[in-house]
Amino acid sequence: MSYVELPGAQVPIRMWTDPATVEEGALQQLRNVATLPWIKGLAVMPDVHYGKGATVGSVIAMRGAVCPAAVGVDIGCGMSAVRTSLTANDLPGDLSRLRSRIEQAIPVGRGMHDAPVDPSRFHAFATGGWDDFWGRFGGVADAVKFRQERATKQMGTLGSGNHFVEICTDTAGSVWLMLHSGSRNIGKELAEHHIGIAQKLPHNQGLVDRDLAVFVADTPQMAAYRNDLFWAQEYAKYNRSIMMALLKDVVRKEFKKARPAFEPEISAHHNYVAEERYDGMDLLVTRKGAIRAGAGEYGIIPGSMGTGSYIVKGLGNADSFNSASHGAGRRMSRNAAKRRFSTKDLEEQTRGVECRKDSGVVDEIPGAYKPIEQVIDQQRDLVEVVAKLKQVVCVKG
């Protein structure tokens, strides 16, 4: 579908979904964002749903300003995927051992490694810039510097919520490795620190929603946030790269006889800010629950833990600021999912997937998410499908 346009105070709201299917709270958030004096465009993805300040599934283009709450507290959260030389025929009938090995290699939840992971131990891992990256930690906000030891030990860990590690197969029978995570606790603390600063600035006192507080260009607060933001986005990308290296090590050991090979990694942030140019203007484009989908750029759009995911290639649609959705999107809150569904429902909806099926992940049940096929169909002018994946192993935080 092409987009539906709703009126907004400063800019029109371009929606790649039927507005009638979007909850009123989310629609109001979109109207609120469209009132910001600095906004130059607002695109809404088909997985849109209520968030903090700005909806998840928003692409917000502003000139000379950025809203830290619209980036979210999991700065740089995103996806990575790799196609392997393995096929479905190489997989054992019982996948529980493989899931256990992954869980042993990659800490989940609030867990961390006993010691920082040394990337030089991994075959062909690009370590250029690693020392410089950690050296720049000295330049982040003083309020989080005491967290450096924790940040180094959490590098290469999954986290909780909707973060996951999966083994998947595509329709041609190829085996894929896929994972979803972000900047862990250090990104959260940096985000919360700067959101608190933004909300106290004089120019934000008259906003319709205090969670839409912004930093503006040529101020020390903006400079400090941009420094920490881009560092945290880099942390998130390194975090996924380390996890993928750990996952490859597990696969190499478990399928030693098959001698698995791995194609280049596909990686895509979906909670981040990028400097991009549209209509002759240099803009700060915030994708909160959206991926970049420039012409020919690969992206990953996951469904839920029982429905599968898509590898896509961007079509470069400028109307969406070269963006696409970041996943299926929730259709009910975590608390609502816990009230509605049981562990029996979870077992039924994840049949055939080696994964947790206990009460701790009921809020991640497929029924709590929008149908991924519908979400993909609504953005045929934004991306083309390259591969459809179905998970056979899913490790949740």
Protein backbone atom coordinates (compact mmCIF):
# COMPACT_ATOMS: atom_id res chain seq x y z
CA MET A 1 0.00 0.00 0.00
CA SER A 2 1.04 3.62 -0.34
CA TYR A 3 0.68 5.88 2.64
CA VAL A 4 -2.43 7.51 4.08
CA GLU A 5 -1.97 11.15 5.00
CA LEU A 6 -3.46 12.69 8.13
CA PRO A 7 -3.28 16.41 8.90
CA GLY A 8 -0.73 17.57 11.47
CA ALA A 9 -0.04 20.95 13.04
CA GLN A 10 3.41 21.44 11.46
CA VAL A 11 3.67 18.56 8.96
CA PRO A 12 1.31 15.93 7.57
CA ILE A 13 1.39 12.48 9.18
CA ARG A 14 2.18 9.83 6.54
CA MET A 15 0.90 6.42 7.66
CA TRP A 16 1.70 3.08 6.04
CA THR A 17 -1.27 1.49 7.78
CA ASP A 18 -4.99 2.09 8.21
CA PRO A 19 -5.39 4.81 10.87
CA ALA A 20 -8.62 3.13 11.99
CA THR A 21 -6.57 0.16 13.25
CA VAL A 22 -4.27 2.31 15.42
CA GLU A 23 -5.21 2.87 19.07
CA GLU A 24 -6.26 6.42 19.97
CA GLY A 25 -3.36 6.84 22.39
CA ALA A 26 -0.86 6.22 19.60
CA LEU A 27 -2.70 8.55 17.21
CA GLN A 28 -2.56 11.29 19.83
CA GLN A 29 1.17 10.76 20.22
CA LEU A 30 1.57 11.20 16.46
CA ARG A 31 -0.43 14.43 16.58
CA ASN A 32 1.75 15.60 19.46
CA VAL A 33 4.98 14.93 17.54
CA ALA A 34 3.57 16.82 14.54
CA THR A 35 3.29 19.96 16.72
CA LEU A 36 7.04 20.24 17.38
CA PRO A 37 8.42 23.47 15.89
CA TRP A 38 11.56 21.73 14.57
CA ILE A 39 9.82 18.88 12.73
CA LYS A 40 10.16 18.57 8.96
CA GLY A 41 8.48 15.21 8.42
CA LEU A 42 6.77 12.28 10.15
CA ALA A 43 6.40 8.80 8.65
CA VAL A 44 4.50 6.04 10.45
CA MET A 45 5.27 2.37 9.88
CA PRO A 46 2.68 -0.46 9.78
CA ASP A 47 3.92 -1.85 13.12
CA VAL A 48 3.08 1.42 14.91
CA HIS A 49 1.96 1.24 18.53
CA TYR A 50 1.93 3.33 21.70
CA GLY A 51 5.29 4.20 23.23
CA LYS A 52 6.84 6.68 25.64
CA GLY A 53 6.43 10.17 24.20
CA ALA A 54 6.59 9.02 20.58
CA THR A 55 5.04 5.88 19.15
CA VAL A 56 7.12 2.83 18.35
CA GLY A 57 7.12 2.67 14.55
CA SER A 58 7.84 6.39 13.99
CA VAL A 59 10.32 8.09 11.68
CA ILE A 60 10.78 11.66 12.90
CA ALA A 61 12.81 14.07 10.78
CA MET A 62 13.82 17.31 12.51
CA ARG A 63 16.06 20.20 11.60
CA GLY A 64 18.44 21.37 14.27
CA ALA A 65 16.86 19.30 17.04
CA VAL A 66 16.56 15.77 18.39
CA CYS A 67 14.20 14.24 20.94
CA PRO A 68 16.00 11.71 23.20
CA ALA A 69 12.78 10.03 24.37
CA ALA A 70 11.84 9.49 20.72
CA VAL A 71 15.07 7.53 20.27
CA GLY A 72 14.12 5.44 23.28
CA VAL A 73 16.11 4.09 26.19
CA ASP A 74 17.54 1.11 24.28
CA ILE A 75 19.77 3.26 22.08
CA GLY A 76 20.93 1.43 18.96
CA CYS A 77 18.71 -1.60 19.46
CA GLY A 78 18.57 -3.62 16.28
CA MET A 79 19.00 -6.89 14.44
CA SER A 80 21.77 -8.98 12.91
CA ALA A 81 21.43 -12.02 10.64
CA VAL A 82 23.81 -14.35 8.84
CA ARG A 83 23.08 -17.08 6.31
CA THR A 84 25.15 -20.21 6.82
CA SER A 85 26.20 -23.07 4.55
CA LEU A 86 24.15 -25.47 6.70
CA THR A 87 20.79 -26.76 5.54
CA ALA A 88 17.75 -27.95 7.41
CA ASN A 89 18.92 -31.53 6.80
CA ASP A 90 22.00 -30.84 8.96
CA LEU A 91 19.86 -30.03 12.01
CA PRO A 92 19.27 -32.76 14.61
CA GLY A 93 15.77 -33.88 15.50
CA ASP A 94 16.26 -32.76 19.10
CA LEU A 95 17.35 -29.12 19.24
CA SER A 96 17.39 -28.79 23.03
CA ARG A 97 21.18 -29.31 23.26
CA LEU A 98 21.78 -26.57 20.69
CA ARG A 99 19.58 -24.14 22.63
CA SER A 100 21.41 -25.04 25.85
CA ARG A 101 24.81 -24.40 24.24
CA ILE A 102 23.67 -20.97 23.02
CA GLU A 103 22.36 -20.07 26.47
CA GLN A 104 25.70 -21.10 27.99
CA ALA A 105 27.68 -18.97 25.53
CA ILE A 106 25.55 -15.81 25.55
CA PRO A 107 24.36 -14.42 28.92
CA VAL A 108 20.67 -13.45 28.93
CA GLY A 109 18.49 -11.19 31.08
CA ARG A 110 20.61 -9.02 33.36
CA GLY A 111 23.51 -11.44 33.06
CA MET A 112 27.03 -10.56 31.98
CA HIS A 113 30.30 -12.29 31.15
CA ASP A 114 32.67 -13.11 34.00
CA ALA A 115 35.35 -11.13 32.17
CA PRO A 116 35.17 -8.82 29.12
CA VAL A 117 35.10 -10.73 25.84
CA ASP A 118 38.30 -10.34 23.81
CA PRO A 119 37.23 -9.94 20.16
CA SER A 120 40.67 -10.94 18.88
CA ARG A 121 39.85 -14.56 19.82
CA PHE A 122 37.24 -14.74 17.04
CA HIS A 123 38.07 -15.80 13.50
CA ALA A 124 38.04 -12.84 11.07
CA PHE A 125 36.47 -10.46 13.61
CA ALA A 126 37.13 -6.83 12.59
CA THR A 127 38.87 -5.35 15.64
CA GLY A 128 39.87 -2.08 13.98
CA GLY A 129 38.54 0.78 16.07
CA TRP A 130 37.87 -1.37 19.15
CA ASP A 131 40.47 0.34 21.35
CA ASP A 132 39.44 3.77 20.11
CA PHE A 133 35.80 2.97 20.88
CA TRP A 134 36.54 2.10 24.51
CA GLY A 135 38.93 5.04 24.76
CA ARG A 136 36.03 7.35 23.94
CA PHE A 137 34.15 6.07 27.00
CA GLY A 138 36.08 8.70 28.93
CA GLY A 139 34.13 11.35 27.04
CA VAL A 140 30.61 10.19 27.95
CA ALA A 141 28.46 11.69 30.69
CA ASP A 142 30.13 11.68 34.11
CA ALA A 143 26.90 10.26 35.58
CA VAL A 144 27.54 6.83 33.99
CA LYS A 145 31.33 6.54 34.03
CA PHE A 146 31.26 4.37 37.15
CA ARG A 147 29.44 1.76 34.99
CA GLN A 148 32.44 1.02 32.76
CA GLU A 149 33.24 -2.38 34.28
CA ARG A 150 29.61 -3.45 33.90
CA ALA A 151 29.51 -2.10 30.33
CA THR A 152 32.59 -4.09 29.32
CA LYS A 153 31.22 -7.31 30.83
CA GLN A 154 27.78 -6.82 29.26
CA MET A 155 29.30 -6.44 25.80
CA GLY A 156 28.15 -9.57 23.98
CA THR A 157 25.02 -10.22 26.08
CA LEU A 158 21.39 -10.46 25.11
CA GLY A 159 19.27 -8.64 27.69
CA SER A 160 15.59 -9.34 28.27
CA GLY A 161 12.15 -8.38 26.96
CA ASN A 162 11.78 -8.95 23.24
CA HIS A 163 15.49 -9.57 22.65
CA PHE A 164 16.32 -12.98 21.24
CA VAL A 165 18.82 -15.29 19.53
CA GLU A 166 17.43 -17.64 16.89
CA ILE A 167 18.39 -20.43 14.57
CA CYS A 168 16.13 -20.22 11.51
CA THR A 169 15.58 -21.88 8.17
CA ASP A 170 14.44 -20.15 5.00
CA THR A 171 12.07 -21.48 2.34
CA ALA A 172 15.04 -22.86 0.37
CA GLY A 173 16.22 -24.86 3.39
CA SER A 174 19.23 -22.70 4.30
CA VAL A 175 20.02 -22.24 7.99
CA TRP A 176 20.31 -18.67 9.30
CA LEU A 177 21.58 -17.21 12.57
CA MET A 178 19.66 -14.18 13.83
CA LEU A 179 19.66 -12.02 16.94
CA HIS A 180 18.06 -8.90 18.39
CA SER A 181 19.62 -6.68 21.06
CA GLY A 182 20.89 -3.18 21.79
CA SER A 183 23.13 -1.11 24.04
CA ARG A 184 22.26 -2.94 27.26
CA ASN A 185 22.25 -1.09 30.59
CA ILE A 186 24.82 1.51 29.58
CA GLY A 187 22.60 2.76 26.75
CA LYS A 188 19.59 2.88 29.06
CA GLU A 189 21.43 4.91 31.67
CA LEU A 190 22.79 7.35 29.11
CA ALA A 191 19.30 7.80 27.63
CA GLU A 192 17.64 8.39 30.99
CA HIS A 193 20.37 10.85 32.01
CA HIS A 194 19.89 12.99 28.90
CA ILE A 195 16.08 12.76 28.91
CA GLY A 196 16.16 14.20 32.43
CA ILE A 197 18.35 17.09 31.28
CA ALA A 198 16.18 17.83 28.23
CA GLN A 199 12.99 18.00 30.27
CA LYS A 200 14.41 20.81 32.42
CA LEU A 201 15.48 23.09 29.55
CA PRO A 202 13.46 26.33 29.22
CA HIS A 203 12.52 25.86 25.56
CA ASN A 204 10.75 22.57 26.44
CA GLN A 205 8.44 23.91 29.13
CA GLY A 206 5.50 24.64 26.82
CA LEU A 207 5.42 21.32 24.98
CA VAL A 208 2.21 19.31 24.83
CA ASP A 209 4.08 16.30 26.28
CA ARG A 210 7.18 16.61 28.48
CA ASP A 211 8.47 13.33 27.00
CA LEU A 212 8.93 15.18 23.69
CA ALA A 213 11.61 17.44 25.18
CA VAL A 214 14.35 18.13 22.63
CA PHE A 215 17.93 19.29 22.43
CA VAL A 216 18.56 22.04 19.89
CA ALA A 217 21.57 22.68 17.69
CA ASP A 218 24.56 24.71 18.81
CA THR A 219 24.04 24.10 22.52
CA PRO A 220 26.33 22.24 24.93
CA GLN A 221 23.46 19.92 25.88
CA MET A 222 22.96 18.89 22.24
CA ALA A 223 26.70 18.34 21.78
CA ALA A 224 26.87 16.15 24.91
CA TYR A 225 23.84 14.10 23.86
CA ARG A 226 25.08 13.56 20.31
CA ASN A 227 28.44 12.36 21.64
CA ASP A 228 26.84 9.85 24.01
CA LEU A 229 24.12 8.85 21.53
CA PHE A 230 26.52 7.94 18.75
CA TRP A 231 28.82 6.13 21.20
CA ALA A 232 25.87 4.05 22.50
CA GLN A 233 24.77 3.25 18.95
CA GLU A 234 28.29 1.96 18.29
CA TYR A 235 28.16 -0.07 21.51
CA ALA A 236 24.93 -1.70 20.32
CA LYS A 237 26.46 -2.66 16.99
CA TYR A 238 29.56 -4.11 18.66
CA ASN A 239 27.33 -5.95 21.13
CA ARG A 240 25.50 -7.71 18.31
CA SER A 241 28.77 -8.46 16.50
CA ILE A 242 30.27 -10.08 19.60
CA MET A 243 27.10 -12.13 20.17
CA MET A 244 27.10 -13.24 16.55
CA ALA A 245 30.74 -14.32 16.90
CA LEU A 246 29.85 -16.31 20.03
CA LEU A 247 26.90 -17.87 18.21
CA LYS A 248 29.07 -18.84 15.25
CA ASP A 249 31.50 -20.53 17.66
CA VAL A 250 28.63 -22.60 19.07
CA VAL A 251 27.51 -23.59 15.58
CA ARG A 252 31.04 -24.51 14.51
CA LYS A 253 31.42 -26.82 17.51
CA GLU A 254 27.96 -28.38 17.27
CA PHE A 255 28.23 -29.00 13.51
CA LYS A 256 31.94 -29.74 13.31
CA LYS A 257 31.57 -32.41 10.63
CA ALA A 258 29.60 -30.09 8.34
CA ARG A 259 32.30 -27.38 8.64
CA PRO A 260 29.82 -24.49 8.43
CA ALA A 261 30.68 -21.32 6.54
CA PHE A 262 29.03 -17.94 7.06
CA GLU A 263 28.00 -15.23 4.63
CA PRO A 264 28.56 -11.52 5.43
CA GLU A 265 26.50 -10.22 8.32
CA ILE A 266 23.37 -8.15 7.78
CA SER A 267 22.98 -5.59 10.56
CA ALA A 268 20.33 -2.92 11.09
CA HIS A 269 19.66 -0.51 13.94
CA HIS A 270 16.01 0.25 14.63
CA ASN A 271 16.21 2.69 17.57
CA TYR A 272 18.64 5.38 16.49
CA VAL A 273 19.41 8.77 14.96
CA ALA A 274 21.10 9.40 11.62
CA GLU A 275 22.23 12.56 9.85
CA GLU A 276 20.54 12.51 6.45
CA ARG A 277 19.66 15.02 3.71
CA TYR A 278 16.20 15.47 2.21
CA ASP A 279 14.81 18.26 0.03
CA GLY A 280 18.07 20.15 0.30
CA MET A 281 18.01 20.13 4.12
CA ASP A 282 20.36 18.44 6.56
CA LEU A 283 18.07 16.64 9.01
CA LEU A 284 18.38 14.50 12.11
CA VAL A 285 16.24 11.45 11.36
CA THR A 286 15.11 9.47 14.39
CA ARG A 287 13.91 5.95 13.72
CA LYS A 288 12.10 4.62 16.79
CA GLY A 289 11.11 1.10 15.89
CA ALA A 290 12.01 1.53 12.21
CA ILE A 291 14.92 0.53 9.99
CA ARG A 292 16.67 2.37 7.20
CA ALA A 293 15.54 1.05 3.81
CA GLY A 294 17.57 2.98 1.27
CA ALA A 295 17.68 1.60 -2.27
CA GLY A 296 19.41 -1.78 -2.22
CA GLU A 297 20.10 -1.74 1.53
CA TYR A 298 19.42 -4.98 3.37
CA GLY A 299 17.25 -5.02 6.46
CA ILE A 300 15.64 -7.44 8.89
CA ILE A 301 11.97 -7.38 9.92
CA PRO A 302 11.25 -10.00 12.60
CA GLY A 303 7.88 -11.36 13.62
CA SER A 304 7.24 -12.99 16.98
CA MET A 305 8.87 -16.03 18.58
CA GLY A 306 6.57 -18.42 16.73
CA THR A 307 5.81 -16.83 13.37
CA GLY A 308 9.06 -16.14 11.55
CA SER A 309 10.87 -13.14 10.06
CA TYR A 310 11.85 -11.48 6.78
CA ILE A 311 15.12 -10.40 5.19
CA VAL A 312 14.31 -7.43 2.99
CA LYS A 313 15.96 -5.02 0.59
CA GLY A 314 15.06 -1.33 0.68
CA LEU A 315 13.42 0.44 -2.25
CA GLY A 316 14.61 3.92 -1.27
CA ASN A 317 11.22 5.54 -0.80
CA ALA A 318 11.89 9.18 0.13
CA ASP A 319 8.30 9.64 1.33
CA SER A 320 9.17 7.39 4.27
CA PHE A 321 12.63 8.95 4.66
CA ASN A 322 14.04 5.69 3.27
CA SER A 323 12.55 3.69 6.13
CA ALA A 324 10.55 0.54 6.85
CA SER A 325 9.10 -1.20 9.88
CA HIS A 326 11.29 -2.87 12.50
CA GLY A 327 9.06 -5.87 13.16
CA ALA A 328 5.50 -7.04 13.61
CA GLY A 329 4.74 -4.56 16.39
CA ARG A 330 2.77 -5.27 19.52
CA ARG A 331 -1.01 -5.27 19.42
CA MET A 332 -1.36 -5.47 23.18
CA SER A 333 0.75 -4.50 26.17
CA ARG A 334 2.84 -6.98 28.12
CA ASN A 335 0.44 -6.86 31.07
CA ALA A 336 -2.55 -7.40 28.77
CA ALA A 337 -0.82 -10.40 27.20
CA LYS A 338 -0.17 -11.92 30.63
CA ARG A 339 -3.81 -11.49 31.56
CA ARG A 340 -5.12 -12.95 28.32
CA PHE A 341 -2.77 -15.84 27.59
CA SER A 342 -1.55 -18.89 29.55
CA THR A 343 1.50 -21.12 29.27
CA LYS A 344 -0.75 -23.61 27.46
CA ASP A 345 -1.46 -20.93 24.84
CA LEU A 346 2.28 -20.29 24.58
CA GLU A 347 3.00 -23.98 24.02
CA GLU A 348 0.35 -24.12 21.30
CA GLN A 349 1.55 -20.98 19.50
CA THR A 350 5.23 -21.98 19.58
CA ARG A 351 4.76 -25.61 18.60
CA GLY A 352 7.75 -26.80 16.59
CA VAL A 353 10.09 -24.18 18.08
CA GLU A 354 12.71 -25.15 20.66
CA CYS A 355 12.26 -22.33 23.17
CA ARG A 356 11.16 -21.38 26.66
CA LYS A 357 7.48 -22.10 27.22
CA ASP A 358 7.13 -20.88 30.81
CA SER A 359 5.20 -18.02 32.41
CA GLY A 360 8.25 -15.76 32.25
CA VAL A 361 7.85 -15.29 28.48
CA VAL A 362 4.06 -15.36 28.11
CA ASP A 363 4.19 -11.60 27.39
CA GLU A 364 6.20 -12.47 24.25
CA ILE A 365 3.58 -14.90 22.92
CA PRO A 366 2.90 -14.57 19.16
CA GLY A 367 -0.71 -13.61 19.86
CA ALA A 368 0.50 -10.36 21.48
CA TYR A 369 1.92 -9.21 18.14
CA LYS A 370 0.44 -8.08 14.85
CA PRO A 371 0.51 -10.61 11.98
CA ILE A 372 3.92 -10.21 10.34
CA GLU A 373 2.59 -11.06 6.86
CA GLN A 374 0.13 -8.17 7.06
CA VAL A 375 2.86 -5.80 8.22
CA ILE A 376 5.06 -6.80 5.28
CA ASP A 377 2.19 -6.44 2.80
CA GLN A 378 1.50 -2.88 3.95
CA GLN A 379 5.00 -1.72 3.00
CA ARG A 380 5.47 -3.21 -0.45
CA ASP A 381 6.48 0.26 -1.68
CA LEU A 382 9.20 0.46 0.98
CA VAL A 383 10.94 -2.93 0.75
CA GLU A 384 11.10 -6.10 -1.30
CA VAL A 385 11.32 -9.49 0.39
CA VAL A 386 14.60 -11.35 -0.10
CA ALA A 387 14.01 -14.31 2.21
CA LYS A 388 11.37 -15.57 4.61
CA LEU A 389 12.72 -17.25 7.73
CA LYS A 390 11.10 -19.55 10.29
CA GLN A 391 12.77 -20.07 13.64
CA VAL A 392 13.48 -23.59 14.90
CA VAL A 393 15.37 -22.45 18.02
CA CYS A 394 14.58 -19.28 19.96
CA VAL A 395 16.54 -18.12 23.02
CA LYS A 396 14.77 -15.37 24.97
CA GLY A 397 16.21 -13.08 27.61
